[in-house]
N, C-alpha and C. Protein backbone atom coordinates (compact mmCIF):
# COMPACT_ATOMS: atom_id res chain seq x y z
N MET A 1 0.85 -1.20 0.00
CA MET A 1 -0.02 -0.01 0.02
C MET A 1 0.92 1.27 0.04
N ILE A 2 0.74 2.05 -0.98
CA ILE A 2 1.56 3.25 -1.08
C ILE A 2 0.74 4.43 -0.57
N ILE A 3 1.33 5.11 0.42
CA ILE A 3 0.74 6.32 1.05
C ILE A 3 1.57 7.53 0.60
N ARG A 4 0.97 8.52 -0.02
CA ARG A 4 1.66 9.71 -0.41
C ARG A 4 1.05 10.86 0.45
N ALA A 5 1.86 11.42 1.31
CA ALA A 5 1.39 12.42 2.29
C ALA A 5 2.03 13.77 2.05
N THR A 6 1.33 14.78 2.49
CA THR A 6 1.88 16.11 2.37
C THR A 6 3.07 16.30 3.30
N GLN A 7 3.92 17.25 3.01
CA GLN A 7 5.08 17.57 3.85
C GLN A 7 4.66 17.79 5.27
N GLN A 8 3.57 18.56 5.43
CA GLN A 8 3.13 18.92 6.78
C GLN A 8 2.74 17.64 7.58
N LEU A 9 2.08 16.73 6.99
CA LEU A 9 1.72 15.49 7.67
C LEU A 9 2.86 14.59 7.92
N MET A 10 3.79 14.55 7.02
CA MET A 10 5.01 13.73 7.23
C MET A 10 5.82 14.27 8.39
N ARG A 11 5.96 15.61 8.42
CA ARG A 11 6.70 16.31 9.50
C ARG A 11 6.00 16.07 10.87
N LEU A 12 4.63 16.20 10.90
CA LEU A 12 3.91 16.04 12.13
C LEU A 12 4.01 14.57 12.62
N SER A 13 4.06 13.62 11.73
CA SER A 13 4.14 12.21 12.09
C SER A 13 5.54 11.70 12.34
N GLY A 14 6.55 12.57 12.07
CA GLY A 14 7.93 12.19 12.31
C GLY A 14 8.47 11.18 11.30
N ILE A 15 7.90 11.18 10.08
CA ILE A 15 8.31 10.29 9.07
C ILE A 15 9.23 11.02 8.08
N PRO A 16 10.45 10.59 7.80
CA PRO A 16 11.29 11.28 6.89
C PRO A 16 10.71 11.27 5.43
N PRO A 17 10.74 12.45 4.77
CA PRO A 17 10.20 12.53 3.45
C PRO A 17 11.03 11.77 2.43
N VAL A 18 10.39 10.95 1.62
CA VAL A 18 11.02 10.21 0.55
C VAL A 18 10.30 10.44 -0.72
N LYS A 19 10.99 10.75 -1.83
CA LYS A 19 10.31 10.96 -3.11
C LYS A 19 10.24 9.73 -3.89
N ASN A 20 9.17 9.55 -4.61
CA ASN A 20 8.97 8.48 -5.55
C ASN A 20 8.06 8.96 -6.65
N THR A 21 8.59 8.99 -7.87
CA THR A 21 7.85 9.59 -8.97
C THR A 21 7.18 8.50 -9.84
N ASP A 22 7.20 7.22 -9.40
CA ASP A 22 6.55 6.17 -10.18
C ASP A 22 5.05 6.40 -10.23
N GLU A 23 4.41 6.08 -11.39
CA GLU A 23 2.96 6.17 -11.48
C GLU A 23 2.39 4.91 -10.86
N PRO A 24 1.19 5.01 -10.28
CA PRO A 24 0.55 3.85 -9.67
C PRO A 24 0.02 2.88 -10.72
N ALA A 25 -0.10 1.63 -10.33
CA ALA A 25 -0.70 0.65 -11.21
C ALA A 25 -2.21 0.96 -11.24
N LEU A 26 -2.76 1.02 -12.47
CA LEU A 26 -4.13 1.46 -12.63
C LEU A 26 -5.07 0.33 -12.88
N PRO A 27 -6.27 0.29 -12.36
CA PRO A 27 -6.75 1.22 -11.35
C PRO A 27 -6.37 0.68 -9.97
N PHE A 28 -5.84 -0.53 -9.83
CA PHE A 28 -5.54 -1.00 -8.50
C PHE A 28 -4.12 -1.51 -8.44
N PRO A 29 -3.40 -1.52 -7.40
CA PRO A 29 -3.87 -1.07 -6.05
C PRO A 29 -3.83 0.50 -5.93
N GLY A 30 -3.17 1.18 -6.81
CA GLY A 30 -3.25 2.66 -6.73
C GLY A 30 -2.44 3.26 -5.55
N ASP A 31 -2.63 4.52 -5.35
CA ASP A 31 -1.95 5.22 -4.21
C ASP A 31 -3.00 5.86 -3.35
N TRP A 32 -2.69 6.07 -2.08
CA TRP A 32 -3.48 6.77 -1.13
C TRP A 32 -2.78 8.11 -0.85
N TYR A 33 -3.42 9.21 -1.17
CA TYR A 33 -2.91 10.54 -0.87
C TYR A 33 -3.50 10.94 0.52
N ALA A 34 -2.66 11.60 1.37
CA ALA A 34 -3.08 11.92 2.69
C ALA A 34 -2.78 13.35 3.02
N SER A 35 -3.74 14.04 3.64
CA SER A 35 -3.55 15.40 4.17
C SER A 35 -4.39 15.59 5.42
N PRO A 36 -3.98 16.52 6.29
CA PRO A 36 -4.73 16.71 7.54
C PRO A 36 -5.95 17.60 7.30
N VAL A 37 -6.98 17.38 8.05
CA VAL A 37 -8.15 18.23 8.10
C VAL A 37 -8.48 18.45 9.55
N THR A 38 -9.02 19.68 9.88
CA THR A 38 -9.35 19.98 11.25
C THR A 38 -10.70 20.70 11.35
N ARG A 39 -11.24 20.59 12.52
CA ARG A 39 -12.49 21.34 12.80
C ARG A 39 -12.06 22.84 13.02
N PHE A 40 -12.94 23.75 12.72
CA PHE A 40 -12.64 25.15 12.74
C PHE A 40 -12.01 25.65 14.03
N ASP A 41 -12.35 25.05 15.12
CA ASP A 41 -11.82 25.49 16.41
C ASP A 41 -10.57 24.68 16.82
N GLY A 42 -10.15 23.78 16.00
CA GLY A 42 -8.95 22.99 16.24
C GLY A 42 -9.16 21.82 17.23
N SER A 43 -10.42 21.60 17.63
CA SER A 43 -10.65 20.59 18.65
C SER A 43 -10.71 19.19 18.11
N PHE A 44 -10.72 19.05 16.78
CA PHE A 44 -10.78 17.69 16.18
C PHE A 44 -9.89 17.73 14.96
N THR A 45 -9.01 16.71 14.88
CA THR A 45 -8.11 16.59 13.77
C THR A 45 -8.33 15.16 13.18
N ALA A 46 -8.25 15.15 11.85
CA ALA A 46 -8.38 13.87 11.18
C ALA A 46 -7.39 13.90 9.98
N ILE A 47 -7.27 12.72 9.34
CA ILE A 47 -6.47 12.64 8.12
C ILE A 47 -7.40 12.24 7.03
N HIS A 48 -7.32 13.01 5.94
CA HIS A 48 -8.16 12.68 4.75
C HIS A 48 -7.30 11.91 3.81
N PHE A 49 -7.75 10.67 3.50
CA PHE A 49 -7.10 9.80 2.61
C PHE A 49 -7.90 9.77 1.32
N LEU A 50 -7.27 10.05 0.17
CA LEU A 50 -7.97 10.03 -1.07
C LEU A 50 -7.23 9.01 -2.03
N HIS A 51 -8.02 8.00 -2.51
CA HIS A 51 -7.40 6.98 -3.33
C HIS A 51 -7.28 7.47 -4.80
N ASN A 52 -6.09 7.27 -5.36
CA ASN A 52 -5.88 7.58 -6.77
C ASN A 52 -5.73 6.29 -7.47
N PRO A 53 -6.52 5.96 -8.41
CA PRO A 53 -7.38 6.71 -9.27
C PRO A 53 -8.88 6.60 -9.03
N THR A 54 -9.33 5.85 -8.01
CA THR A 54 -10.81 5.67 -7.83
C THR A 54 -11.43 6.85 -7.11
N ARG A 55 -10.59 7.67 -6.47
CA ARG A 55 -11.05 8.90 -5.83
C ARG A 55 -12.02 8.72 -4.63
N ILE A 56 -11.90 7.55 -3.95
CA ILE A 56 -12.75 7.44 -2.70
C ILE A 56 -12.00 8.17 -1.60
N SER A 57 -12.77 8.76 -0.72
CA SER A 57 -12.26 9.50 0.43
C SER A 57 -12.48 8.74 1.72
N VAL A 58 -11.52 8.59 2.52
CA VAL A 58 -11.66 7.97 3.85
C VAL A 58 -11.10 8.93 4.88
N LEU A 59 -11.89 9.15 5.95
CA LEU A 59 -11.44 10.07 7.02
C LEU A 59 -11.09 9.22 8.22
N VAL A 60 -9.91 9.51 8.75
CA VAL A 60 -9.39 8.76 9.93
C VAL A 60 -9.12 9.75 11.02
N PRO A 61 -9.77 9.58 12.22
CA PRO A 61 -9.49 10.52 13.32
C PRO A 61 -8.08 10.39 13.79
N GLY A 62 -7.54 11.54 14.17
CA GLY A 62 -6.15 11.56 14.71
C GLY A 62 -5.19 12.23 13.77
N PRO A 63 -4.09 12.80 14.35
CA PRO A 63 -3.17 13.56 13.55
C PRO A 63 -1.94 12.84 13.00
N PHE A 64 -1.73 11.58 13.42
CA PHE A 64 -0.45 10.91 13.15
C PHE A 64 -0.65 9.85 12.02
N LEU A 65 0.11 9.96 11.02
CA LEU A 65 -0.01 9.10 9.81
C LEU A 65 0.27 7.62 10.13
N ASP A 66 1.38 7.36 10.81
CA ASP A 66 1.83 6.03 11.10
C ASP A 66 0.81 5.23 11.96
N GLN A 67 0.10 6.00 12.85
CA GLN A 67 -0.89 5.31 13.74
C GLN A 67 -2.24 5.15 13.05
N SER A 68 -2.43 5.75 11.94
CA SER A 68 -3.77 5.74 11.28
C SER A 68 -4.00 4.64 10.30
N ILE A 69 -3.00 3.84 9.98
CA ILE A 69 -3.08 2.85 8.93
C ILE A 69 -4.13 1.76 9.24
N THR A 70 -4.09 1.28 10.48
CA THR A 70 -5.10 0.23 10.86
C THR A 70 -6.51 0.76 10.70
N ILE A 71 -6.75 2.04 11.16
CA ILE A 71 -8.06 2.57 11.07
C ILE A 71 -8.42 2.85 9.61
N LEU A 72 -7.43 3.26 8.79
CA LEU A 72 -7.70 3.44 7.36
C LEU A 72 -8.21 2.19 6.74
N ARG A 73 -7.57 1.06 7.04
CA ARG A 73 -8.01 -0.27 6.51
C ARG A 73 -9.46 -0.55 6.89
N GLU A 74 -9.78 -0.35 8.18
CA GLU A 74 -11.09 -0.63 8.64
C GLU A 74 -12.15 0.29 8.04
N ARG A 75 -11.83 1.60 7.97
CA ARG A 75 -12.80 2.54 7.44
C ARG A 75 -12.99 2.42 5.95
N ALA A 76 -11.90 2.11 5.17
CA ALA A 76 -12.02 1.92 3.73
C ALA A 76 -12.84 0.73 3.43
N ALA A 77 -12.63 -0.38 4.17
CA ALA A 77 -13.43 -1.57 4.03
C ALA A 77 -14.89 -1.33 4.33
N ALA A 78 -15.14 -0.62 5.38
CA ALA A 78 -16.54 -0.32 5.80
C ALA A 78 -17.20 0.56 4.73
N LEU A 79 -16.49 1.55 4.16
CA LEU A 79 -17.06 2.42 3.11
C LEU A 79 -17.43 1.57 1.88
N LEU A 80 -16.56 0.78 1.44
CA LEU A 80 -16.80 -0.06 0.21
C LEU A 80 -17.96 -1.03 0.42
N MET A 81 -18.05 -1.60 1.63
CA MET A 81 -19.13 -2.50 1.93
C MET A 81 -20.45 -1.78 2.05
N ARG A 82 -20.44 -0.63 2.72
CA ARG A 82 -21.64 0.17 2.94
C ARG A 82 -22.24 0.65 1.60
N LYS A 83 -21.42 0.91 0.66
CA LYS A 83 -21.89 1.45 -0.65
C LYS A 83 -22.02 0.39 -1.74
N GLY A 84 -21.88 -0.86 -1.38
CA GLY A 84 -22.09 -1.94 -2.34
C GLY A 84 -20.93 -2.28 -3.24
N TYR A 85 -19.74 -1.88 -2.87
CA TYR A 85 -18.58 -2.17 -3.70
C TYR A 85 -17.59 -3.19 -3.02
N GLY A 86 -18.18 -4.03 -2.23
CA GLY A 86 -17.40 -4.99 -1.46
C GLY A 86 -16.57 -5.95 -2.37
N ARG A 87 -17.03 -6.19 -3.62
CA ARG A 87 -16.26 -7.04 -4.52
C ARG A 87 -14.92 -6.46 -4.85
N LEU A 88 -14.77 -5.18 -4.70
CA LEU A 88 -13.50 -4.51 -5.05
C LEU A 88 -12.50 -4.49 -3.86
N LEU A 89 -12.97 -4.86 -2.73
CA LEU A 89 -12.15 -4.70 -1.47
C LEU A 89 -10.77 -5.26 -1.56
N PHE A 90 -10.59 -6.47 -2.04
CA PHE A 90 -9.24 -7.09 -2.05
C PHE A 90 -8.35 -6.43 -3.11
N GLN A 91 -8.93 -5.83 -4.11
CA GLN A 91 -8.05 -5.20 -5.11
C GLN A 91 -7.32 -3.94 -4.60
N TYR A 92 -7.84 -3.40 -3.53
CA TYR A 92 -7.16 -2.22 -2.96
C TYR A 92 -5.89 -2.59 -2.20
N GLU A 93 -5.74 -3.92 -1.90
CA GLU A 93 -4.56 -4.41 -1.20
C GLU A 93 -4.29 -3.63 0.13
N LEU A 94 -5.40 -3.48 0.88
CA LEU A 94 -5.31 -2.74 2.14
C LEU A 94 -4.48 -3.45 3.20
N LEU A 95 -4.30 -4.72 3.06
CA LEU A 95 -3.50 -5.42 4.10
C LEU A 95 -2.01 -5.44 3.80
N SER A 96 -1.61 -4.89 2.68
CA SER A 96 -0.19 -4.90 2.35
C SER A 96 0.55 -3.89 3.24
N THR A 97 1.87 -4.06 3.33
CA THR A 97 2.66 -3.19 4.20
C THR A 97 2.67 -1.74 3.61
N PRO A 98 2.41 -0.74 4.46
CA PRO A 98 2.38 0.61 3.95
C PRO A 98 3.84 1.16 3.69
N VAL A 99 3.95 1.88 2.63
CA VAL A 99 5.19 2.56 2.25
C VAL A 99 4.87 4.04 2.09
N PHE A 100 5.61 4.90 2.82
CA PHE A 100 5.28 6.32 2.81
C PHE A 100 6.20 7.12 1.86
N TYR A 101 5.57 7.97 1.09
CA TYR A 101 6.27 8.86 0.17
C TYR A 101 5.65 10.23 0.23
N THR A 102 6.37 11.22 -0.28
CA THR A 102 5.76 12.55 -0.43
C THR A 102 4.91 12.55 -1.65
N THR A 103 3.94 13.52 -1.67
CA THR A 103 3.02 13.65 -2.79
C THR A 103 3.78 14.00 -4.10
N ASN A 104 3.22 13.59 -5.19
CA ASN A 104 3.86 13.85 -6.47
C ASN A 104 2.90 14.39 -7.53
N SER A 105 1.66 14.66 -7.21
CA SER A 105 0.66 15.13 -8.18
C SER A 105 0.07 16.46 -7.71
N ARG A 106 0.44 17.51 -8.30
CA ARG A 106 -0.14 18.81 -7.96
C ARG A 106 -1.67 18.87 -8.27
N ARG A 107 -2.08 18.16 -9.34
CA ARG A 107 -3.47 18.15 -9.70
C ARG A 107 -4.33 17.51 -8.60
N LEU A 108 -3.83 16.37 -8.10
CA LEU A 108 -4.55 15.69 -7.04
C LEU A 108 -4.51 16.47 -5.75
N LEU A 109 -3.40 17.10 -5.46
CA LEU A 109 -3.34 17.95 -4.23
C LEU A 109 -4.30 19.15 -4.37
N ALA A 110 -4.42 19.68 -5.56
CA ALA A 110 -5.39 20.77 -5.69
C ALA A 110 -6.83 20.32 -5.44
N SER A 111 -7.16 19.13 -5.93
CA SER A 111 -8.46 18.55 -5.66
C SER A 111 -8.69 18.33 -4.19
N MET A 112 -7.65 17.79 -3.56
CA MET A 112 -7.76 17.56 -2.10
C MET A 112 -7.93 18.86 -1.29
N ASN A 113 -7.24 19.88 -1.72
CA ASN A 113 -7.38 21.21 -1.03
C ASN A 113 -8.78 21.73 -1.22
N GLN A 114 -9.37 21.55 -2.39
CA GLN A 114 -10.76 21.96 -2.60
C GLN A 114 -11.70 21.17 -1.78
N MET A 115 -11.47 19.85 -1.70
CA MET A 115 -12.34 19.00 -0.89
C MET A 115 -12.23 19.31 0.61
N ARG A 116 -11.03 19.82 0.98
CA ARG A 116 -10.79 20.16 2.38
C ARG A 116 -11.78 21.12 2.90
N TYR A 117 -12.14 22.12 2.08
CA TYR A 117 -13.09 23.15 2.46
C TYR A 117 -14.44 22.51 2.85
N GLU A 118 -14.90 21.59 2.03
CA GLU A 118 -16.16 20.92 2.28
C GLU A 118 -16.07 20.06 3.55
N ILE A 119 -14.97 19.31 3.61
CA ILE A 119 -14.80 18.39 4.80
C ILE A 119 -14.69 19.24 6.08
N ASP A 120 -13.91 20.31 6.10
CA ASP A 120 -13.82 21.17 7.25
C ASP A 120 -15.20 21.74 7.65
N TYR A 121 -15.98 22.08 6.67
CA TYR A 121 -17.33 22.60 6.93
C TYR A 121 -18.15 21.52 7.64
N HIS A 122 -18.18 20.28 7.07
CA HIS A 122 -18.98 19.25 7.69
C HIS A 122 -18.44 18.77 9.07
N LEU A 123 -17.12 18.93 9.30
CA LEU A 123 -16.58 18.70 10.62
C LEU A 123 -16.97 19.75 11.65
N SER A 124 -17.21 20.97 11.14
CA SER A 124 -17.48 22.08 12.02
C SER A 124 -18.93 22.28 12.29
N MET A 125 -19.83 21.73 11.51
CA MET A 125 -21.30 21.88 11.72
C MET A 125 -21.77 21.36 13.04
N PRO A 126 -21.44 20.15 13.43
CA PRO A 126 -22.02 19.62 14.72
C PRO A 126 -21.56 20.50 15.89
N GLU A 127 -22.39 20.61 16.84
CA GLU A 127 -22.08 21.45 18.02
C GLU A 127 -20.95 20.79 18.89
N THR A 128 -21.00 19.47 18.94
CA THR A 128 -19.97 18.76 19.69
C THR A 128 -19.21 17.79 18.87
N ILE A 129 -18.02 17.36 19.34
CA ILE A 129 -17.22 16.40 18.60
C ILE A 129 -17.92 15.09 18.51
N ALA A 130 -18.67 14.72 19.53
CA ALA A 130 -19.36 13.42 19.57
C ALA A 130 -20.40 13.33 18.44
N GLU A 131 -20.88 14.41 17.96
CA GLU A 131 -21.93 14.40 16.87
C GLU A 131 -21.27 14.33 15.50
N ILE A 132 -20.04 14.37 15.36
CA ILE A 132 -19.40 14.30 14.04
C ILE A 132 -19.63 12.89 13.46
N ASN A 133 -20.14 12.83 12.28
CA ASN A 133 -20.44 11.58 11.58
C ASN A 133 -19.48 11.45 10.35
N LEU A 134 -18.40 10.76 10.55
CA LEU A 134 -17.44 10.64 9.45
C LEU A 134 -17.96 9.79 8.28
N ASP A 135 -18.85 8.85 8.57
CA ASP A 135 -19.44 8.05 7.48
C ASP A 135 -20.25 8.91 6.59
N ARG A 136 -20.97 9.80 7.10
CA ARG A 136 -21.84 10.73 6.29
C ARG A 136 -20.94 11.62 5.42
N ILE A 137 -19.84 12.09 5.96
CA ILE A 137 -18.95 12.94 5.21
C ILE A 137 -18.32 12.18 4.06
N GLU A 138 -17.91 10.92 4.37
CA GLU A 138 -17.36 10.07 3.29
C GLU A 138 -18.36 9.79 2.21
N ASP A 139 -19.60 9.60 2.56
CA ASP A 139 -20.69 9.33 1.59
C ASP A 139 -20.87 10.57 0.72
N ILE A 140 -20.78 11.74 1.31
CA ILE A 140 -20.93 12.97 0.47
C ILE A 140 -19.77 13.13 -0.47
N GLN A 141 -18.59 12.79 -0.04
CA GLN A 141 -17.41 12.88 -0.86
C GLN A 141 -17.43 11.89 -2.07
N LEU A 142 -18.20 10.83 -1.97
CA LEU A 142 -18.31 9.88 -3.09
C LEU A 142 -18.96 10.62 -4.31
N ARG A 143 -19.78 11.63 -4.04
CA ARG A 143 -20.45 12.36 -5.12
C ARG A 143 -19.74 13.66 -5.51
N TYR A 144 -18.54 13.89 -4.96
CA TYR A 144 -17.71 15.05 -5.29
C TYR A 144 -17.32 14.99 -6.77
N LEU A 145 -17.45 16.12 -7.47
CA LEU A 145 -17.12 16.18 -8.91
C LEU A 145 -15.61 16.38 -9.11
N PHE A 146 -14.98 15.57 -9.95
CA PHE A 146 -13.62 15.66 -10.28
C PHE A 146 -13.50 15.86 -11.82
N SER A 147 -12.59 16.73 -12.23
CA SER A 147 -12.35 16.85 -13.66
C SER A 147 -11.55 15.59 -14.10
N THR A 148 -11.98 15.04 -15.28
CA THR A 148 -11.32 13.87 -15.78
C THR A 148 -10.01 14.22 -16.46
N GLY A 149 -9.87 15.44 -16.91
CA GLY A 149 -8.67 15.89 -17.62
C GLY A 149 -8.65 15.40 -19.03
N LYS A 150 -9.59 14.62 -19.47
CA LYS A 150 -9.63 14.08 -20.82
C LYS A 150 -10.18 15.13 -21.79
N LYS A 151 -11.25 15.79 -21.42
CA LYS A 151 -11.87 16.82 -22.27
C LYS A 151 -12.25 18.02 -21.42
N THR A 152 -12.43 19.12 -22.04
CA THR A 152 -12.88 20.30 -21.33
C THR A 152 -14.32 20.03 -20.84
N MET A 153 -14.54 20.41 -19.58
CA MET A 153 -15.83 20.29 -18.95
C MET A 153 -16.35 18.84 -18.84
N ASP A 154 -15.40 17.90 -18.68
CA ASP A 154 -15.76 16.50 -18.46
C ASP A 154 -15.48 16.17 -17.01
N TYR A 155 -16.53 15.82 -16.31
CA TYR A 155 -16.38 15.53 -14.88
C TYR A 155 -16.88 14.13 -14.53
N THR A 156 -16.41 13.60 -13.40
CA THR A 156 -16.88 12.31 -12.93
C THR A 156 -16.89 12.32 -11.42
N THR A 157 -17.38 11.29 -10.78
CA THR A 157 -17.36 11.17 -9.35
C THR A 157 -16.80 9.81 -9.00
N ALA A 158 -16.42 9.67 -7.72
CA ALA A 158 -15.87 8.37 -7.26
C ALA A 158 -16.94 7.31 -7.44
N ASP A 159 -18.17 7.63 -7.14
CA ASP A 159 -19.24 6.66 -7.33
C ASP A 159 -19.32 6.17 -8.74
N ARG A 160 -19.19 7.07 -9.71
CA ARG A 160 -19.24 6.65 -11.11
C ARG A 160 -18.00 5.78 -11.53
N ILE A 161 -16.87 6.19 -11.04
CA ILE A 161 -15.61 5.43 -11.30
C ILE A 161 -15.72 4.02 -10.80
N LEU A 162 -16.24 3.90 -9.54
CA LEU A 162 -16.40 2.57 -8.97
C LEU A 162 -17.46 1.73 -9.71
N GLY A 163 -18.51 2.36 -10.09
CA GLY A 163 -19.58 1.74 -10.83
C GLY A 163 -19.05 1.16 -12.21
N GLU A 164 -18.19 1.97 -12.87
CA GLU A 164 -17.67 1.48 -14.15
C GLU A 164 -16.71 0.28 -13.94
N ILE A 165 -15.95 0.34 -12.87
CA ILE A 165 -15.04 -0.80 -12.54
C ILE A 165 -15.91 -2.07 -12.23
N MET A 166 -16.94 -1.84 -11.43
CA MET A 166 -17.83 -3.02 -11.08
C MET A 166 -18.50 -3.63 -12.29
N SER A 167 -18.84 -2.79 -13.28
CA SER A 167 -19.53 -3.23 -14.46
C SER A 167 -18.58 -4.10 -15.34
N LYS A 168 -17.27 -3.99 -15.18
CA LYS A 168 -16.32 -4.75 -15.97
C LYS A 168 -15.92 -6.03 -15.33
N LEU A 169 -16.35 -6.22 -14.07
CA LEU A 169 -16.00 -7.49 -13.31
C LEU A 169 -16.91 -8.60 -13.81
N PRO A 170 -16.36 -9.83 -13.86
CA PRO A 170 -17.19 -10.92 -14.32
C PRO A 170 -18.26 -11.29 -13.34
């Protein structure tokens, strides 16, 4: 499992930054991009994991990257099962050993920064931390529009990408 994290998250987690410019195997197992998100008052911190190329978002409570891998595996599996994509679970290779690298895609980081505003908003809406529903936020992010980069004004969602992959399975 390849995790590509922002410099800020690598520094916070005490992981030395390592560059790797190799492209991920498409569409699986792919890469997980990671960046921190926080509630507006700073009382809740999570890590936003975005899978490239399927674009699913998984939110893991806590600020440290190395400690979040077990929870990432659990939450990613739960998201895929909850949304009916359980047949794809093993293709993500969630149980493989994580390898940490710095991010290498400005385009994906730009998308994550844009998503961060929406995630921060949904983290900040509940009055208390106990009321934060990470599953609901992940479900909303499945419908987030991404530019495909293939044609002008051509957009897709993680839900649509997963649906296309599922339709190709025997």
